[in-house]
Amino acid sequence: ISIVGGVVANGQNIAFLVSLAFALAASANLPSILYTLYWRRFNTRGAL
């Protein structure tokens, strides 16, 4: 899949892909990780 994706994206502006990866990680992963580790009240609905 990555080979096909790389061929399709070859020559395109890839800056937004990198920024998207970092923005996705900061927006979706980090809040739930920090809440899980440091907030006892955190639950299923909050995580989803």
All heavy atoms as atom14 arrays in JSON, in Angstrom:
{
  "sequence": "ISIVGGVVANGQNIAFLVSLAFALAASANLPSILYTLYWRRFNTRGAL",
  "atom14_mask": [
    [1, 1, 1, 1, 1, 1, 1, 1, 0, 0, 0, 0, 0, 0],
    [1, 1, 1, 1, 1, 1, 0, 0, 0, 0, 0, 0, 0, 0],
    [1, 1, 1, 1, 1, 1, 1, 1, 0, 0, 0, 0, 0, 0],
    [1, 1, 1, 1, 1, 1, 1, 0, 0, 0, 0, 0, 0, 0],
    [1, 1, 1, 1, 0, 0, 0, 0, 0, 0, 0, 0, 0, 0],
    [1, 1, 1, 1, 0, 0, 0, 0, 0, 0, 0, 0, 0, 0],
    [1, 1, 1, 1, 1, 1, 1, 0, 0, 0, 0, 0, 0, 0],
    [1, 1, 1, 1, 1, 1, 1, 0, 0, 0, 0, 0, 0, 0],
    [1, 1, 1, 1, 1, 0, 0, 0, 0, 0, 0, 0, 0, 0],
    [1, 1, 1, 1, 1, 1, 1, 1, 0, 0, 0, 0, 0, 0],
    [1, 1, 1, 1, 0, 0, 0, 0, 0, 0, 0, 0, 0, 0],
    [1, 1, 1, 1, 1, 1, 1, 1, 1, 0, 0, 0, 0, 0],
    [1, 1, 1, 1, 1, 1, 1, 1, 0, 0, 0, 0, 0, 0],
    [1, 1, 1, 1, 1, 1, 1, 1, 0, 0, 0, 0, 0, 0],
    [1, 1, 1, 1, 1, 0, 0, 0, 0, 0, 0, 0, 0, 0],
    [1, 1, 1, 1, 1, 1, 1, 1, 1, 1, 1, 0, 0, 0],
    [1, 1, 1, 1, 1, 1, 1, 1, 0, 0, 0, 0, 0, 0],
    [1, 1, 1, 1, 1, 1, 1, 0, 0, 0, 0, 0, 0, 0],
    [1, 1, 1, 1, 1, 1, 0, 0, 0, 0, 0, 0, 0, 0],
    [1, 1, 1, 1, 1, 1, 1, 1, 0, 0, 0, 0, 0, 0],
    [1, 1, 1, 1, 1, 0, 0, 0, 0, 0, 0, 0, 0, 0],
    [1, 1, 1, 1, 1, 1, 1, 1, 1, 1, 1, 0, 0, 0],
    [1, 1, 1, 1, 1, 0, 0, 0, 0, 0, 0, 0, 0, 0],
    [1, 1, 1, 1, 1, 1, 1, 1, 0, 0, 0, 0, 0, 0],
    [1, 1, 1, 1, 1, 0, 0, 0, 0, 0, 0, 0, 0, 0],
    [1, 1, 1, 1, 1, 0, 0, 0, 0, 0, 0, 0, 0, 0],
    [1, 1, 1, 1, 1, 1, 0, 0, 0, 0, 0, 0, 0, 0],
    [1, 1, 1, 1, 1, 0, 0, 0, 0, 0, 0, 0, 0, 0],
    [1, 1, 1, 1, 1, 1, 1, 1, 0, 0, 0, 0, 0, 0],
    [1, 1, 1, 1, 1, 1, 1, 1, 0, 0, 0, 0, 0, 0],
    [1, 1, 1, 1, 1, 1, 1, 0, 0, 0, 0, 0, 0, 0],
    [1, 1, 1, 1, 1, 1, 0, 0, 0, 0, 0, 0, 0, 0],
    [1, 1, 1, 1, 1, 1, 1, 1, 0, 0, 0, 0, 0, 0],
    [1, 1, 1, 1, 1, 1, 1, 1, 0, 0, 0, 0, 0, 0],
    [1, 1, 1, 1, 1, 1, 1, 1, 1, 1, 1, 1, 0, 0],
    [1, 1, 1, 1, 1, 1, 1, 0, 0, 0, 0, 0, 0, 0],
    [1, 1, 1, 1, 1, 1, 1, 1, 0, 0, 0, 0, 0, 0],
    [1, 1, 1, 1, 1, 1, 1, 1, 1, 1, 1, 1, 0, 0],
    [1, 1, 1, 1, 1, 1, 1, 1, 1, 1, 1, 1, 1, 1],
    [1, 1, 1, 1, 1, 1, 1, 1, 1, 1, 1, 0, 0, 0],
    [1, 1, 1, 1, 1, 1, 1, 1, 1, 1, 1, 0, 0, 0],
    [1, 1, 1, 1, 1, 1, 1, 1, 1, 1, 1, 0, 0, 0],
    [1, 1, 1, 1, 1, 1, 1, 1, 0, 0, 0, 0, 0, 0],
    [1, 1, 1, 1, 1, 1, 1, 0, 0, 0, 0, 0, 0, 0],
    [1, 1, 1, 1, 1, 1, 1, 1, 1, 1, 1, 0, 0, 0],
    [1, 1, 1, 1, 0, 0, 0, 0, 0, 0, 0, 0, 0, 0],
    [1, 1, 1, 1, 1, 0, 0, 0, 0, 0, 0, 0, 0, 0],
    [1, 1, 1, 1, 1, 1, 1, 1, 0, 0, 0, 0, 0, 0]
  ],
  "atom14_positions": [
    [[0.84, -1.21, 0.0], [0.0, 0.0, 0.0], [0.87, 1.25, 0.0], [0.59, 2.23, -0.71], [-0.94, 0.0, 1.23], [-2.0, -1.1, 1.09], [-1.63, 1.37, 1.39], [-2.84, -1.31, 2.34], [0.0, 0.0, 0.0], [0.0, 0.0, 0.0], [0.0, 0.0, 0.0], [0.0, 0.0, 0.0], [0.0, 0.0, 0.0], [0.0, 0.0, 0.0]],
    [[1.94, 1.24, 0.78], [2.82, 2.41, 0.84], [3.55, 2.64, -0.48], [3.81, 3.78, -0.86], [3.83, 2.26, 1.98], [4.73, 1.2, 1.72], [0.0, 0.0, 0.0], [0.0, 0.0, 0.0], [0.0, 0.0, 0.0], [0.0, 0.0, 0.0], [0.0, 0.0, 0.0], [0.0, 0.0, 0.0], [0.0, 0.0, 0.0], [0.0, 0.0, 0.0]],
    [[3.87, 1.55, -1.19], [4.49, 1.69, -2.51], [3.53, 2.37, -3.47], [3.88, 3.33, -4.16], [4.92, 0.31, -3.07], [6.13, -0.22, -2.29], [5.26, 0.4, -4.56], [6.49, -1.65, -2.62], [0.0, 0.0, 0.0], [0.0, 0.0, 0.0], [0.0, 0.0, 0.0], [0.0, 0.0, 0.0], [0.0, 0.0, 0.0], [0.0, 0.0, 0.0]],
    [[2.28, 1.88, -3.5], [1.26, 2.48, -4.37], [1.04, 3.94, -3.99], [0.99, 4.84, -4.86], [-0.06, 1.7, -4.3], [-1.16, 2.41, -5.08], [0.13, 0.29, -4.84], [0.0, 0.0, 0.0], [0.0, 0.0, 0.0], [0.0, 0.0, 0.0], [0.0, 0.0, 0.0], [0.0, 0.0, 0.0], [0.0, 0.0, 0.0], [0.0, 0.0, 0.0]],
    [[0.91, 4.21, -2.68], [0.71, 5.59, -2.21], [1.88, 6.48, -2.56], [1.69, 7.63, -2.98], [0.0, 0.0, 0.0], [0.0, 0.0, 0.0], [0.0, 0.0, 0.0], [0.0, 0.0, 0.0], [0.0, 0.0, 0.0], [0.0, 0.0, 0.0], [0.0, 0.0, 0.0], [0.0, 0.0, 0.0], [0.0, 0.0, 0.0], [0.0, 0.0, 0.0]],
    [[3.11, 5.97, -2.41], [4.29, 6.75, -2.75], [4.36, 7.08, -4.23], [4.73, 8.2, -4.6], [0.0, 0.0, 0.0], [0.0, 0.0, 0.0], [0.0, 0.0, 0.0], [0.0, 0.0, 0.0], [0.0, 0.0, 0.0], [0.0, 0.0, 0.0], [0.0, 0.0, 0.0], [0.0, 0.0, 0.0], [0.0, 0.0, 0.0], [0.0, 0.0, 0.0]],
    [[3.97, 6.12, -5.08], [3.95, 6.36, -6.53], [2.92, 7.43, -6.88], [3.17, 8.33, -7.67], [3.66, 5.04, -7.29], [3.35, 5.32, -8.76], [4.85, 4.09, -7.18], [0.0, 0.0, 0.0], [0.0, 0.0, 0.0], [0.0, 0.0, 0.0], [0.0, 0.0, 0.0], [0.0, 0.0, 0.0], [0.0, 0.0, 0.0], [0.0, 0.0, 0.0]],
    [[1.73, 7.33, -6.26], [0.67, 8.3, -6.53], [1.07, 9.7, -6.06], [0.83, 10.7, -6.73], [-0.65, 7.87, -5.84], [-1.69, 8.98, -5.92], [-1.19, 6.6, -6.48], [0.0, 0.0, 0.0], [0.0, 0.0, 0.0], [0.0, 0.0, 0.0], [0.0, 0.0, 0.0], [0.0, 0.0, 0.0], [0.0, 0.0, 0.0], [0.0, 0.0, 0.0]],
    [[1.71, 9.77, -4.89], [2.06, 11.07, -4.3], [3.4, 11.62, -4.82], [3.75, 12.76, -4.5], [2.11, 10.96, -2.77], [0.0, 0.0, 0.0], [0.0, 0.0, 0.0], [0.0, 0.0, 0.0], [0.0, 0.0, 0.0], [0.0, 0.0, 0.0], [0.0, 0.0, 0.0], [0.0, 0.0, 0.0], [0.0, 0.0, 0.0], [0.0, 0.0, 0.0]],
    [[4.12, 10.84, -5.6], [5.43, 11.28, -6.09], [5.3, 12.58, -6.9], [4.5, 12.67, -7.81], [6.05, 10.18, -6.97], [7.45, 10.53, -7.42], [8.13, 11.34, -6.78], [7.89, 9.95, -8.52], [0.0, 0.0, 0.0], [0.0, 0.0, 0.0], [0.0, 0.0, 0.0], [0.0, 0.0, 0.0], [0.0, 0.0, 0.0], [0.0, 0.0, 0.0]],
    [[6.1, 13.57, -6.51], [6.07, 14.85, -7.2], [5.08, 15.84, -6.62], [5.08, 17.01, -6.97], [0.0, 0.0, 0.0], [0.0, 0.0, 0.0], [0.0, 0.0, 0.0], [0.0, 0.0, 0.0], [0.0, 0.0, 0.0], [0.0, 0.0, 0.0], [0.0, 0.0, 0.0], [0.0, 0.0, 0.0], [0.0, 0.0, 0.0], [0.0, 0.0, 0.0]],
    [[4.22, 15.35, -5.71], [3.24, 16.24, -5.08], [3.89, 16.97, -3.89], [4.97, 16.6, -3.44], [2.03, 15.44, -4.59], [1.28, 14.71, -5.68], [0.38, 15.63, -6.5], [0.24, 16.81, -6.17], [-0.19, 15.12, -7.56], [0.0, 0.0, 0.0], [0.0, 0.0, 0.0], [0.0, 0.0, 0.0], [0.0, 0.0, 0.0], [0.0, 0.0, 0.0]],
    [[3.21, 17.96, -3.39], [3.65, 18.65, -2.18], [3.41, 17.73, -0.98], [2.27, 17.44, -0.63], [2.85, 19.95, -2.01], [3.19, 20.68, -0.73], [4.06, 20.25, 0.02], [2.51, 21.78, -0.48], [0.0, 0.0, 0.0], [0.0, 0.0, 0.0], [0.0, 0.0, 0.0], [0.0, 0.0, 0.0], [0.0, 0.0, 0.0], [0.0, 0.0, 0.0]],
    [[4.5, 17.24, -0.37], [4.34, 16.27, 0.72], [4.38, 16.92, 2.1], [4.22, 16.24, 3.1], [5.41, 15.17, 0.64], [6.81, 15.77, 0.8], [5.3, 14.38, -0.66], [7.9, 14.76, 1.03], [0.0, 0.0, 0.0], [0.0, 0.0, 0.0], [0.0, 0.0, 0.0], [0.0, 0.0, 0.0], [0.0, 0.0, 0.0], [0.0, 0.0, 0.0]],
    [[4.57, 18.24, 2.14], [4.66, 18.91, 3.44], [3.39, 18.7, 4.26], [3.44, 18.51, 5.48], [4.91, 20.4, 3.25], [0.0, 0.0, 0.0], [0.0, 0.0, 0.0], [0.0, 0.0, 0.0], [0.0, 0.0, 0.0], [0.0, 0.0, 0.0], [0.0, 0.0, 0.0], [0.0, 0.0, 0.0], [0.0, 0.0, 0.0], [0.0, 0.0, 0.0]],
    [[2.23, 18.7, 3.57], [0.98, 18.57, 4.32], [0.83, 17.16, 4.91], [0.16, 16.97, 5.92], [-0.22, 18.91, 3.42], [-0.8, 17.75, 2.67], [-1.94, 17.11, 3.14], [-0.21, 17.31, 1.5], [-2.47, 16.05, 2.43], [-0.74, 16.26, 0.8], [-1.88, 15.61, 1.27], [0.0, 0.0, 0.0], [0.0, 0.0, 0.0], [0.0, 0.0, 0.0]],
    [[1.49, 16.15, 4.3], [1.42, 14.79, 4.84], [2.14, 14.71, 6.18], [1.65, 14.09, 7.13], [2.04, 13.79, 3.86], [1.27, 13.54, 2.56], [2.09, 12.67, 1.62], [-0.07, 12.89, 2.84], [0.0, 0.0, 0.0], [0.0, 0.0, 0.0], [0.0, 0.0, 0.0], [0.0, 0.0, 0.0], [0.0, 0.0, 0.0], [0.0, 0.0, 0.0]],
    [[3.31, 15.34, 6.25], [4.06, 15.35, 7.5], [3.3, 16.12, 8.57], [3.16, 15.68, 9.71], [5.46, 15.96, 7.29], [6.23, 16.04, 8.6], [6.25, 15.14, 6.27], [0.0, 0.0, 0.0], [0.0, 0.0, 0.0], [0.0, 0.0, 0.0], [0.0, 0.0, 0.0], [0.0, 0.0, 0.0], [0.0, 0.0, 0.0], [0.0, 0.0, 0.0]],
    [[2.79, 17.3, 8.19], [2.06, 18.11, 9.17], [0.79, 17.4, 9.6], [0.38, 17.5, 10.76], [1.71, 19.48, 8.59], [0.8, 19.37, 7.51], [0.0, 0.0, 0.0], [0.0, 0.0, 0.0], [0.0, 0.0, 0.0], [0.0, 0.0, 0.0], [0.0, 0.0, 0.0], [0.0, 0.0, 0.0], [0.0, 0.0, 0.0], [0.0, 0.0, 0.0]],
    [[0.17, 16.65, 8.69], [-1.02, 15.89, 9.04], [-0.7, 14.8, 10.04], [-1.43, 14.6, 11.01], [-1.66, 15.29, 7.79], [-2.9, 14.4, 8.0], [-3.97, 15.18, 8.76], [-3.45, 13.91, 6.68], [0.0, 0.0, 0.0], [0.0, 0.0, 0.0], [0.0, 0.0, 0.0], [0.0, 0.0, 0.0], [0.0, 0.0, 0.0], [0.0, 0.0, 0.0]],
    [[0.42, 14.11, 9.83], [0.81, 13.05, 10.76], [1.03, 13.61, 12.16], [0.54, 13.06, 13.16], [2.08, 12.35, 10.26], [0.0, 0.0, 0.0], [0.0, 0.0, 0.0], [0.0, 0.0, 0.0], [0.0, 0.0, 0.0], [0.0, 0.0, 0.0], [0.0, 0.0, 0.0], [0.0, 0.0, 0.0], [0.0, 0.0, 0.0], [0.0, 0.0, 0.0]],
    [[1.76, 14.72, 12.26], [2.0, 15.33, 13.57], [0.71, 15.89, 14.18], [0.48, 15.75, 15.39], [3.05, 16.45, 13.44], [4.46, 15.97, 13.63], [5.15, 15.38, 12.59], [5.09, 16.1, 14.85], [6.45, 14.93, 12.76], [6.39, 15.66, 15.04], [7.08, 15.08, 13.99], [0.0, 0.0, 0.0], [0.0, 0.0, 0.0], [0.0, 0.0, 0.0]],
    [[-0.11, 16.53, 13.35], [-1.36, 17.09, 13.87], [-2.31, 15.99, 14.33], [-2.96, 16.13, 15.38], [-2.04, 17.94, 12.79], [0.0, 0.0, 0.0], [0.0, 0.0, 0.0], [0.0, 0.0, 0.0], [0.0, 0.0, 0.0], [0.0, 0.0, 0.0], [0.0, 0.0, 0.0], [0.0, 0.0, 0.0], [0.0, 0.0, 0.0], [0.0, 0.0, 0.0]],
    [[-2.39, 14.89, 13.57], [-3.23, 13.76, 13.98], [-2.74, 13.18, 15.3], [-3.53, 12.88, 16.2], [-3.21, 12.67, 12.9], [-4.02, 12.91, 11.63], [-3.83, 11.73, 10.67], [-5.5, 13.09, 11.93], [0.0, 0.0, 0.0], [0.0, 0.0, 0.0], [0.0, 0.0, 0.0], [0.0, 0.0, 0.0], [0.0, 0.0, 0.0], [0.0, 0.0, 0.0]],
    [[-1.42, 13.0, 15.42], [-0.86, 12.43, 16.64], [-1.14, 13.33, 17.84], [-1.5, 12.85, 18.92], [0.64, 12.22, 16.47], [0.0, 0.0, 0.0], [0.0, 0.0, 0.0], [0.0, 0.0, 0.0], [0.0, 0.0, 0.0], [0.0, 0.0, 0.0], [0.0, 0.0, 0.0], [0.0, 0.0, 0.0], [0.0, 0.0, 0.0], [0.0, 0.0, 0.0]],
    [[-0.96, 14.63, 17.66], [-1.18, 15.57, 18.77], [-2.66, 15.7, 19.11], [-3.02, 15.92, 20.27], [-0.62, 16.95, 18.4], [0.0, 0.0, 0.0], [0.0, 0.0, 0.0], [0.0, 0.0, 0.0], [0.0, 0.0, 0.0], [0.0, 0.0, 0.0], [0.0, 0.0, 0.0], [0.0, 0.0, 0.0], [0.0, 0.0, 0.0], [0.0, 0.0, 0.0]],
    [[-3.54, 15.55, 18.12], [-4.98, 15.77, 18.34], [-5.7, 14.53, 18.83], [-6.58, 14.62, 19.7], [-5.64, 16.24, 17.03], [-4.97, 17.35, 16.49], [0.0, 0.0, 0.0], [0.0, 0.0, 0.0], [0.0, 0.0, 0.0], [0.0, 0.0, 0.0], [0.0, 0.0, 0.0], [0.0, 0.0, 0.0], [0.0, 0.0, 0.0], [0.0, 0.0, 0.0]],
    [[-5.35, 13.37, 18.29], [-6.09, 12.14, 18.6], [-5.41, 11.28, 19.66], [-6.07, 10.71, 20.53], [-6.29, 11.32, 17.32], [0.0, 0.0, 0.0], [0.0, 0.0, 0.0], [0.0, 0.0, 0.0], [0.0, 0.0, 0.0], [0.0, 0.0, 0.0], [0.0, 0.0, 0.0], [0.0, 0.0, 0.0], [0.0, 0.0, 0.0], [0.0, 0.0, 0.0]],
    [[-4.1, 11.18, 19.6], [-3.39, 10.25, 20.48], [-2.97, 10.86, 21.81], [-3.21, 10.27, 22.87], [-2.14, 9.7, 19.77], [-2.48, 8.86, 18.55], [-3.63, 8.49, 18.35], [-1.49, 8.56, 17.73], [0.0, 0.0, 0.0], [0.0, 0.0, 0.0], [0.0, 0.0, 0.0], [0.0, 0.0, 0.0], [0.0, 0.0, 0.0], [0.0, 0.0, 0.0]],
    [[-2.34, 12.03, 21.77], [-1.79, 12.59, 23.0], [-2.85, 12.9, 24.07], [-2.64, 12.57, 25.24], [-0.97, 13.84, 22.69], [-0.19, 14.39, 23.89], [0.85, 13.39, 24.38], [0.5, 15.71, 23.54], [0.0, 0.0, 0.0], [0.0, 0.0, 0.0], [0.0, 0.0, 0.0], [0.0, 0.0, 0.0], [0.0, 0.0, 0.0], [0.0, 0.0, 0.0]],
    [[-4.01, 13.51, 23.73], [-5.0, 13.78, 24.78], [-5.44, 12.51, 25.51], [-5.49, 12.48, 26.75], [-6.17, 14.41, 24.01], [-5.55, 15.03, 22.82], [-4.43, 14.11, 22.43], [0.0, 0.0, 0.0], [0.0, 0.0, 0.0], [0.0, 0.0, 0.0], [0.0, 0.0, 0.0], [0.0, 0.0, 0.0], [0.0, 0.0, 0.0], [0.0, 0.0, 0.0]],
    [[-5.74, 11.45, 24.74], [-6.2, 10.21, 25.38], [-5.09, 9.54, 26.19], [-5.35, 8.95, 27.24], [-6.77, 9.25, 24.34], [-5.86, 9.06, 23.29], [0.0, 0.0, 0.0], [0.0, 0.0, 0.0], [0.0, 0.0, 0.0], [0.0, 0.0, 0.0], [0.0, 0.0, 0.0], [0.0, 0.0, 0.0], [0.0, 0.0, 0.0], [0.0, 0.0, 0.0]],
    [[-3.84, 9.65, 25.74], [-2.72, 9.08, 26.5], [-2.55, 9.81, 27.83], [-2.45, 9.19, 28.89], [-1.41, 9.17, 25.68], [-1.44, 8.19, 24.51], [-0.19, 8.87, 26.57], [-0.29, 8.37, 23.54], [0.0, 0.0, 0.0], [0.0, 0.0, 0.0], [0.0, 0.0, 0.0], [0.0, 0.0, 0.0], [0.0, 0.0, 0.0], [0.0, 0.0, 0.0]],
    [[-2.55, 11.14, 27.8], [-2.36, 11.92, 29.03], [-3.53, 11.75, 29.99], [-3.34, 11.6, 31.2], [-2.15, 13.4, 28.69], [-0.86, 13.73, 27.93], [-0.76, 15.23, 27.68], [0.37, 13.26, 28.7], [0.0, 0.0, 0.0], [0.0, 0.0, 0.0], [0.0, 0.0, 0.0], [0.0, 0.0, 0.0], [0.0, 0.0, 0.0], [0.0, 0.0, 0.0]],
    [[-4.75, 11.77, 29.45], [-5.93, 11.54, 30.31], [-5.86, 10.15, 30.95], [-6.16, 9.97, 32.13], [-7.22, 11.66, 29.49], [-7.7, 13.07, 29.25], [-8.3, 13.43, 28.05], [-7.58, 14.05, 30.24], [-8.77, 14.72, 27.83], [-8.04, 15.35, 30.02], [-8.63, 15.67, 28.82], [-9.09, 16.96, 28.61], [0.0, 0.0, 0.0], [0.0, 0.0, 0.0]],
    [[-5.48, 9.14, 30.18], [-5.41, 7.77, 30.7], [-4.39, 7.66, 31.83], [-4.63, 7.02, 32.85], [-5.04, 6.79, 29.57], [-6.05, 6.83, 28.56], [-4.94, 5.37, 30.09], [0.0, 0.0, 0.0], [0.0, 0.0, 0.0], [0.0, 0.0, 0.0], [0.0, 0.0, 0.0], [0.0, 0.0, 0.0], [0.0, 0.0, 0.0], [0.0, 0.0, 0.0]],
    [[-3.25, 8.31, 31.64], [-2.16, 8.19, 32.61], [-2.38, 9.06, 33.86], [-1.92, 8.7, 34.95], [-0.83, 8.58, 31.97], [-0.31, 7.65, 30.86], [0.94, 8.23, 30.21], [-0.02, 6.25, 31.4], [0.0, 0.0, 0.0], [0.0, 0.0, 0.0], [0.0, 0.0, 0.0], [0.0, 0.0, 0.0], [0.0, 0.0, 0.0], [0.0, 0.0, 0.0]],
    [[-3.08, 10.19, 33.71], [-3.1, 11.17, 34.81], [-4.49, 11.56, 35.32], [-4.59, 12.35, 36.24], [-2.36, 12.44, 34.36], [-0.9, 12.19, 34.08], [-0.41, 12.16, 32.77], [-0.01, 11.95, 35.12], [0.93, 11.92, 32.5], [1.34, 11.71, 34.86], [1.8, 11.68, 33.56], [3.13, 11.43, 33.31], [0.0, 0.0, 0.0], [0.0, 0.0, 0.0]],
    [[-5.57, 11.03, 34.75], [-6.91, 11.4, 35.22], [-7.69, 10.12, 35.55], [-8.08, 9.37, 34.66], [-7.64, 12.21, 34.14], [-8.96, 12.79, 34.62], [-9.36, 13.0, 35.89], [-10.03, 13.24, 33.78], [-10.61, 13.55, 35.93], [-11.06, 13.71, 34.64], [-10.24, 13.29, 32.4], [-12.26, 14.22, 34.16], [-11.43, 13.81, 31.92], [-12.43, 14.27, 32.79]],
    [[-7.92, 9.89, 36.83], [-8.59, 8.66, 37.27], [-10.01, 8.53, 36.71], [-10.49, 7.44, 36.46], [-8.67, 8.63, 38.8], [-7.38, 8.29, 39.49], [-7.67, 8.07, 40.97], [-6.47, 7.83, 41.73], [-6.47, 7.53, 43.02], [-7.62, 7.47, 43.69], [-5.34, 7.32, 43.66], [0.0, 0.0, 0.0], [0.0, 0.0, 0.0], [0.0, 0.0, 0.0]],
    [[-10.67, 9.65, 36.53], [-12.08, 9.65, 36.13], [-12.28, 9.27, 34.65], [-13.37, 8.91, 34.23], [-12.65, 11.05, 36.4], [-14.1, 11.27, 36.04], [-15.05, 10.67, 37.06], [-16.42, 11.04, 36.75], [-17.16, 10.46, 35.8], [-16.67, 9.48, 35.09], [-18.43, 10.85, 35.61], [0.0, 0.0, 0.0], [0.0, 0.0, 0.0], [0.0, 0.0, 0.0]],
    [[-11.25, 9.34, 33.85], [-11.32, 9.12, 32.4], [-11.97, 7.77, 32.1], [-11.68, 6.76, 32.74], [-9.91, 9.17, 31.81], [-9.88, 9.31, 30.31], [-10.57, 10.32, 29.67], [-9.13, 8.43, 29.54], [-10.51, 10.46, 28.28], [-9.05, 8.55, 28.17], [-9.75, 9.57, 27.54], [0.0, 0.0, 0.0], [0.0, 0.0, 0.0], [0.0, 0.0, 0.0]],
    [[-12.88, 7.75, 31.1], [-13.62, 6.52, 30.82], [-13.77, 6.28, 29.31], [-13.19, 6.99, 28.49], [-14.99, 6.55, 31.51], [-15.82, 7.77, 31.13], [-15.7, 8.28, 30.01], [-16.65, 8.25, 32.05], [0.0, 0.0, 0.0], [0.0, 0.0, 0.0], [0.0, 0.0, 0.0], [0.0, 0.0, 0.0], [0.0, 0.0, 0.0], [0.0, 0.0, 0.0]],
    [[-14.58, 5.27, 28.98], [-14.72, 4.83, 27.59], [-15.21, 5.93, 26.67], [-14.64, 6.18, 25.6], [-15.68, 3.63, 27.51], [-15.2, 2.59, 28.36], [-15.79, 3.12, 26.08], [0.0, 0.0, 0.0], [0.0, 0.0, 0.0], [0.0, 0.0, 0.0], [0.0, 0.0, 0.0], [0.0, 0.0, 0.0], [0.0, 0.0, 0.0], [0.0, 0.0, 0.0]],
    [[-16.29, 6.62, 27.06], [-16.84, 7.68, 26.2], [-15.81, 8.79, 25.99], [-15.65, 9.28, 24.87], [-18.12, 8.26, 26.81], [-18.78, 9.3, 25.9], [-20.0, 9.93, 26.56], [-21.09, 8.98, 26.7], [-22.24, 9.26, 27.31], [-22.43, 10.45, 27.85], [-23.18, 8.34, 27.4], [0.0, 0.0, 0.0], [0.0, 0.0, 0.0], [0.0, 0.0, 0.0]],
    [[-15.11, 9.16, 27.04], [-14.08, 10.19, 26.91], [-12.99, 9.78, 25.93], [-12.54, 10.57, 25.1], [0.0, 0.0, 0.0], [0.0, 0.0, 0.0], [0.0, 0.0, 0.0], [0.0, 0.0, 0.0], [0.0, 0.0, 0.0], [0.0, 0.0, 0.0], [0.0, 0.0, 0.0], [0.0, 0.0, 0.0], [0.0, 0.0, 0.0], [0.0, 0.0, 0.0]],
    [[-12.56, 8.51, 26.02], [-11.51, 8.01, 25.13], [-11.98, 8.02, 23.68], [-11.25, 8.48, 22.78], [-11.09, 6.61, 25.55], [0.0, 0.0, 0.0], [0.0, 0.0, 0.0], [0.0, 0.0, 0.0], [0.0, 0.0, 0.0], [0.0, 0.0, 0.0], [0.0, 0.0, 0.0], [0.0, 0.0, 0.0], [0.0, 0.0, 0.0], [0.0, 0.0, 0.0]],
    [[-13.19, 7.54, 23.43], [-13.71, 7.47, 22.06], [-13.92, 8.86, 21.47], [-13.55, 9.13, 20.32], [-15.01, 6.67, 22.03], [-14.91, 5.18, 22.35], [-16.29, 4.54, 22.4], [-14.04, 4.47, 21.3], [0.0, 0.0, 0.0], [0.0, 0.0, 0.0], [0.0, 0.0, 0.0], [0.0, 0.0, 0.0], [0.0, 0.0, 0.0], [0.0, 0.0, 0.0]]
  ]
}
